[in-house]
Every structure is written in C-alpha cells, then in structure tokens.
Amino acid sequence: KSWNGTYFKWVSLKRLGLVVQLGHLDSSSCPSHVPGPSKMIVIHTNGIHCIQMNYCGCSLSISTLTHCQHQKWEQLMHAHWFPGTHVQPKTA
C-alpha cells in the first residue's frame, strides 16, 4: 500500500520500486544483470503481485560450482519460483 495523501491505496510492488535479483546467493546486485520481463507476475499465498526482476548474467552466479551461467528458468527454480512455462517465463 502507498499513502496518497488521503488514504492507503493498493499499488504493485514494482511501482513501489522493488527489484528482485536472481542468481546470487546473497541477493546482491549483479553487475551484469539481465532484465526480466517488464511485467513478472508472482502468485503467492498472500496475493498476486506484479514485480520487476533481474536475472544474473555473470559467472559469479549460483552456478559457481560448475562455472557456467544458469538458464533463466533455472534461476527461477533455485529461488523456488516455479515458472508457469519454461519458454519466456512471465509467471511464477
């Protein structure tokens, strides 16, 4: 919710400025991030949320054990965000 001067109005987490970074174990910002879809929908027990997210695009990602970059769907799965599709996921 965001205060509009009179009352609290429901707004998306994206509009509030939330950006979720995938791929780094400590959720740190990725210097080579790849922007996710412009409208990522996350379905959770507390509601349906529109967020902004970035995929990791560097070799410092969660794949350091194999020294290769994970695919986007793999980064979603590692975060326990199960994509609705493996082709251009926009819902998790």
N, C-alpha and C. Protein backbone atom coordinates (compact mmCIF):
# COMPACT_ATOMS: atom_id res chain seq x y z
N LYS A 1 0.84 -1.18 0.00
CA LYS A 1 0.00 0.00 0.00
C LYS A 1 0.88 1.24 0.00
N SER A 2 0.35 2.29 -0.55
CA SER A 2 1.08 3.56 -0.60
C SER A 2 0.12 4.68 -0.18
N TRP A 3 0.62 5.59 0.62
CA TRP A 3 -0.19 6.71 1.10
C TRP A 3 -0.32 7.74 -0.02
N ASN A 4 -1.54 8.09 -0.40
CA ASN A 4 -1.74 9.06 -1.47
C ASN A 4 -2.11 10.44 -0.95
N GLY A 5 -1.98 10.67 0.35
CA GLY A 5 -2.31 11.96 0.94
C GLY A 5 -3.62 11.93 1.69
N THR A 6 -4.47 10.97 1.35
CA THR A 6 -5.77 10.84 2.00
C THR A 6 -5.96 9.45 2.61
N TYR A 7 -5.52 8.44 1.89
CA TYR A 7 -5.69 7.06 2.36
C TYR A 7 -4.62 6.17 1.72
N PHE A 8 -4.50 4.97 2.26
CA PHE A 8 -3.57 3.99 1.69
C PHE A 8 -4.23 3.33 0.48
N LYS A 9 -3.52 3.36 -0.63
CA LYS A 9 -4.03 2.80 -1.88
C LYS A 9 -3.17 1.59 -2.26
N TRP A 10 -3.82 0.54 -2.76
CA TRP A 10 -3.08 -0.64 -3.21
C TRP A 10 -2.28 -0.30 -4.46
N VAL A 11 -0.99 -0.60 -4.43
CA VAL A 11 -0.12 -0.42 -5.59
C VAL A 11 0.75 -1.67 -5.72
N SER A 12 1.28 -1.88 -6.90
CA SER A 12 2.13 -3.06 -7.12
C SER A 12 3.49 -2.88 -6.45
N LEU A 13 4.10 -4.00 -6.14
CA LEU A 13 5.46 -3.95 -5.58
C LEU A 13 6.42 -3.33 -6.58
N LYS A 14 6.17 -3.56 -7.86
CA LYS A 14 7.01 -2.97 -8.90
C LYS A 14 6.92 -1.44 -8.84
N ARG A 15 5.72 -0.93 -8.69
CA ARG A 15 5.54 0.53 -8.63
C ARG A 15 6.20 1.13 -7.38
N LEU A 16 6.27 0.33 -6.32
CA LEU A 16 6.94 0.79 -5.10
C LEU A 16 8.46 0.75 -5.22
N GLY A 17 8.96 0.16 -6.32
CA GLY A 17 10.40 0.17 -6.58
C GLY A 17 11.12 -1.13 -6.27
N LEU A 18 10.38 -2.18 -5.91
CA LEU A 18 11.03 -3.46 -5.61
C LEU A 18 11.62 -4.07 -6.87
N VAL A 19 12.89 -4.44 -6.81
CA VAL A 19 13.56 -5.18 -7.88
C VAL A 19 14.20 -6.40 -7.24
N VAL A 20 13.80 -7.59 -7.69
CA VAL A 20 14.33 -8.84 -7.16
C VAL A 20 15.48 -9.29 -8.05
N GLN A 21 16.64 -9.56 -7.45
CA GLN A 21 17.81 -10.03 -8.19
C GLN A 21 17.93 -11.53 -8.01
N LEU A 22 17.87 -12.28 -9.09
CA LEU A 22 18.06 -13.73 -9.04
C LEU A 22 19.50 -14.08 -9.36
N GLY A 23 19.90 -15.27 -8.94
CA GLY A 23 21.20 -15.80 -9.34
C GLY A 23 22.32 -15.65 -8.34
N HIS A 24 22.26 -14.70 -7.44
CA HIS A 24 23.31 -14.51 -6.44
C HIS A 24 22.78 -15.00 -5.10
N LEU A 25 23.54 -15.85 -4.43
CA LEU A 25 23.08 -16.44 -3.18
C LEU A 25 22.76 -15.39 -2.12
N ASP A 26 23.49 -14.29 -2.11
CA ASP A 26 23.27 -13.26 -1.10
C ASP A 26 22.31 -12.17 -1.59
N SER A 27 21.66 -12.37 -2.73
CA SER A 27 20.72 -11.41 -3.32
C SER A 27 21.38 -10.08 -3.65
N SER A 28 22.70 -10.07 -3.78
CA SER A 28 23.39 -8.83 -4.12
C SER A 28 23.10 -8.45 -5.56
N SER A 29 23.33 -7.20 -5.87
CA SER A 29 23.11 -6.71 -7.22
C SER A 29 24.13 -7.32 -8.16
N CYS A 30 23.68 -7.70 -9.34
CA CYS A 30 24.57 -8.32 -10.32
C CYS A 30 25.10 -7.25 -11.26
N PRO A 31 26.42 -7.14 -11.43
CA PRO A 31 26.97 -6.13 -12.33
C PRO A 31 26.63 -6.40 -13.80
N SER A 32 26.26 -7.63 -14.11
CA SER A 32 25.91 -7.99 -15.49
C SER A 32 24.47 -8.48 -15.57
N HIS A 33 23.59 -7.86 -14.79
CA HIS A 33 22.20 -8.34 -14.74
C HIS A 33 21.51 -8.25 -16.10
N VAL A 34 20.56 -9.15 -16.28
CA VAL A 34 19.74 -9.18 -17.48
C VAL A 34 18.31 -8.91 -17.03
N PRO A 35 17.69 -7.81 -17.49
CA PRO A 35 16.33 -7.50 -17.05
C PRO A 35 15.36 -8.63 -17.38
N GLY A 36 14.48 -8.92 -16.43
CA GLY A 36 13.43 -9.91 -16.65
C GLY A 36 12.31 -9.29 -17.46
N PRO A 37 11.21 -10.00 -17.58
CA PRO A 37 10.07 -9.46 -18.32
C PRO A 37 9.58 -8.16 -17.69
N SER A 38 9.02 -7.29 -18.50
CA SER A 38 8.57 -5.99 -17.98
C SER A 38 7.43 -6.14 -16.99
N LYS A 39 6.73 -7.25 -17.04
CA LYS A 39 5.62 -7.50 -16.11
C LYS A 39 5.68 -8.94 -15.65
N MET A 40 6.42 -9.19 -14.57
CA MET A 40 6.52 -10.53 -14.00
C MET A 40 5.44 -10.68 -12.95
N ILE A 41 4.64 -11.72 -13.06
CA ILE A 41 3.56 -11.97 -12.11
C ILE A 41 3.99 -13.09 -11.17
N VAL A 42 3.92 -12.84 -9.87
CA VAL A 42 4.24 -13.84 -8.86
C VAL A 42 2.96 -14.14 -8.10
N ILE A 43 2.60 -15.42 -8.07
CA ILE A 43 1.40 -15.85 -7.34
C ILE A 43 1.87 -16.44 -6.01
N HIS A 44 1.38 -15.87 -4.92
CA HIS A 44 1.80 -16.26 -3.58
C HIS A 44 0.55 -16.45 -2.73
N THR A 45 0.72 -17.04 -1.55
CA THR A 45 -0.42 -17.24 -0.66
C THR A 45 -1.04 -15.93 -0.20
N ASN A 46 -0.27 -14.84 -0.22
CA ASN A 46 -0.81 -13.55 0.22
C ASN A 46 -1.30 -12.68 -0.94
N GLY A 47 -1.34 -13.23 -2.15
CA GLY A 47 -1.90 -12.48 -3.27
C GLY A 47 -1.13 -12.67 -4.56
N ILE A 48 -1.55 -11.92 -5.56
CA ILE A 48 -0.91 -11.92 -6.87
C ILE A 48 -0.17 -10.61 -7.01
N HIS A 49 1.11 -10.68 -7.32
CA HIS A 49 1.95 -9.49 -7.32
C HIS A 49 2.63 -9.28 -8.67
N CYS A 50 2.71 -8.03 -9.08
CA CYS A 50 3.46 -7.63 -10.27
C CYS A 50 4.79 -7.06 -9.77
N ILE A 51 5.90 -7.65 -10.23
CA ILE A 51 7.21 -7.22 -9.75
C ILE A 51 8.16 -6.99 -10.91
N GLN A 52 9.28 -6.34 -10.61
CA GLN A 52 10.40 -6.22 -11.54
C GLN A 52 11.49 -7.14 -11.02
N MET A 53 12.12 -7.88 -11.92
CA MET A 53 13.19 -8.77 -11.50
C MET A 53 14.30 -8.76 -12.52
N ASN A 54 15.49 -9.11 -12.06
CA ASN A 54 16.66 -9.21 -12.93
C ASN A 54 17.24 -10.61 -12.81
N TYR A 55 17.66 -11.15 -13.94
CA TYR A 55 18.38 -12.42 -13.96
C TYR A 55 19.86 -12.11 -13.85
N CYS A 56 20.62 -13.07 -13.35
CA CYS A 56 22.07 -12.93 -13.31
C CYS A 56 22.63 -13.23 -14.69
N GLY A 57 23.58 -12.43 -15.12
CA GLY A 57 24.21 -12.64 -16.41
C GLY A 57 25.71 -12.82 -16.30
N CYS A 58 26.21 -13.08 -15.08
CA CYS A 58 27.66 -13.21 -14.91
C CYS A 58 28.04 -14.59 -14.42
N SER A 59 29.32 -14.86 -14.38
CA SER A 59 29.82 -16.16 -13.94
C SER A 59 29.91 -16.26 -12.42
N LEU A 60 29.52 -15.21 -11.71
CA LEU A 60 29.54 -15.23 -10.24
C LEU A 60 28.21 -15.68 -9.67
N SER A 61 27.37 -16.24 -10.50
CA SER A 61 26.03 -16.62 -10.06
C SER A 61 26.06 -17.89 -9.22
N ILE A 62 24.89 -18.42 -8.92
CA ILE A 62 24.77 -19.62 -8.11
C ILE A 62 25.44 -20.81 -8.76
N SER A 63 25.87 -20.65 -9.99
CA SER A 63 26.48 -21.76 -10.71
C SER A 63 27.99 -21.83 -10.52
N THR A 64 28.52 -21.21 -9.48
CA THR A 64 29.97 -21.18 -9.31
C THR A 64 30.58 -22.57 -9.17
N LEU A 65 29.78 -23.56 -8.80
CA LEU A 65 30.31 -24.92 -8.70
C LEU A 65 30.65 -25.49 -10.07
N THR A 66 29.91 -25.08 -11.08
CA THR A 66 30.15 -25.60 -12.42
C THR A 66 30.75 -24.54 -13.33
N HIS A 67 30.88 -23.32 -12.84
CA HIS A 67 31.45 -22.20 -13.60
C HIS A 67 30.72 -21.97 -14.93
N CYS A 68 29.43 -22.09 -14.90
CA CYS A 68 28.65 -21.77 -16.10
C CYS A 68 27.39 -21.03 -15.67
N GLN A 69 26.87 -20.25 -16.56
CA GLN A 69 25.69 -19.44 -16.27
C GLN A 69 24.44 -20.31 -16.35
N HIS A 70 23.60 -20.20 -15.34
CA HIS A 70 22.34 -20.93 -15.36
C HIS A 70 21.36 -20.26 -16.32
N GLN A 71 20.49 -21.07 -16.89
CA GLN A 71 19.42 -20.55 -17.73
C GLN A 71 18.44 -19.79 -16.84
N LYS A 72 17.61 -18.95 -17.45
CA LYS A 72 16.66 -18.14 -16.68
C LYS A 72 15.72 -19.02 -15.86
N TRP A 73 15.20 -20.07 -16.47
CA TRP A 73 14.26 -20.93 -15.74
C TRP A 73 14.95 -21.60 -14.55
N GLU A 74 16.25 -21.89 -14.67
CA GLU A 74 16.99 -22.50 -13.56
C GLU A 74 17.15 -21.51 -12.41
N GLN A 75 17.36 -20.24 -12.73
CA GLN A 75 17.47 -19.22 -11.68
C GLN A 75 16.15 -19.08 -10.95
N LEU A 76 15.04 -19.16 -11.69
CA LEU A 76 13.72 -19.11 -11.06
C LEU A 76 13.52 -20.31 -10.13
N MET A 77 13.88 -21.49 -10.60
CA MET A 77 13.71 -22.70 -9.80
C MET A 77 14.57 -22.65 -8.53
N HIS A 78 15.80 -22.15 -8.64
CA HIS A 78 16.68 -22.06 -7.48
C HIS A 78 16.10 -21.13 -6.42
N ALA A 79 15.38 -20.11 -6.86
CA ALA A 79 14.74 -19.17 -5.94
C ALA A 79 13.40 -19.72 -5.43
N HIS A 80 13.06 -20.95 -5.85
CA HIS A 80 11.78 -21.58 -5.52
C HIS A 80 10.61 -20.84 -6.14
N TRP A 81 10.86 -20.20 -7.26
CA TRP A 81 9.80 -19.58 -8.05
C TRP A 81 9.59 -20.50 -9.24
N PHE A 82 8.56 -21.27 -9.21
CA PHE A 82 8.34 -22.26 -10.24
C PHE A 82 7.61 -21.62 -11.41
N PRO A 83 8.29 -21.51 -12.56
CA PRO A 83 7.71 -20.81 -13.70
C PRO A 83 6.50 -21.52 -14.27
N GLY A 84 5.55 -20.72 -14.76
CA GLY A 84 4.37 -21.28 -15.41
C GLY A 84 4.73 -21.94 -16.73
N THR A 85 5.84 -21.53 -17.34
CA THR A 85 6.33 -22.11 -18.58
C THR A 85 7.84 -21.97 -18.62
N HIS A 86 8.51 -22.82 -19.37
CA HIS A 86 9.97 -22.69 -19.49
C HIS A 86 10.36 -21.82 -20.68
N VAL A 87 9.40 -21.44 -21.49
CA VAL A 87 9.64 -20.57 -22.64
C VAL A 87 9.19 -19.16 -22.26
N GLN A 88 10.11 -18.24 -22.16
CA GLN A 88 9.84 -16.85 -21.78
C GLN A 88 8.94 -16.76 -20.54
N PRO A 89 9.40 -17.27 -19.39
CA PRO A 89 8.55 -17.25 -18.20
C PRO A 89 8.18 -15.83 -17.77
N LYS A 90 6.91 -15.64 -17.50
CA LYS A 90 6.40 -14.35 -17.02
C LYS A 90 5.51 -14.53 -15.80
N THR A 91 5.33 -15.78 -15.37
CA THR A 91 4.52 -16.08 -14.20
C THR A 91 5.26 -17.11 -13.36
N ALA A 92 5.32 -16.86 -12.04
CA ALA A 92 5.97 -17.82 -11.14
C ALA A 92 5.11 -17.99 -9.90
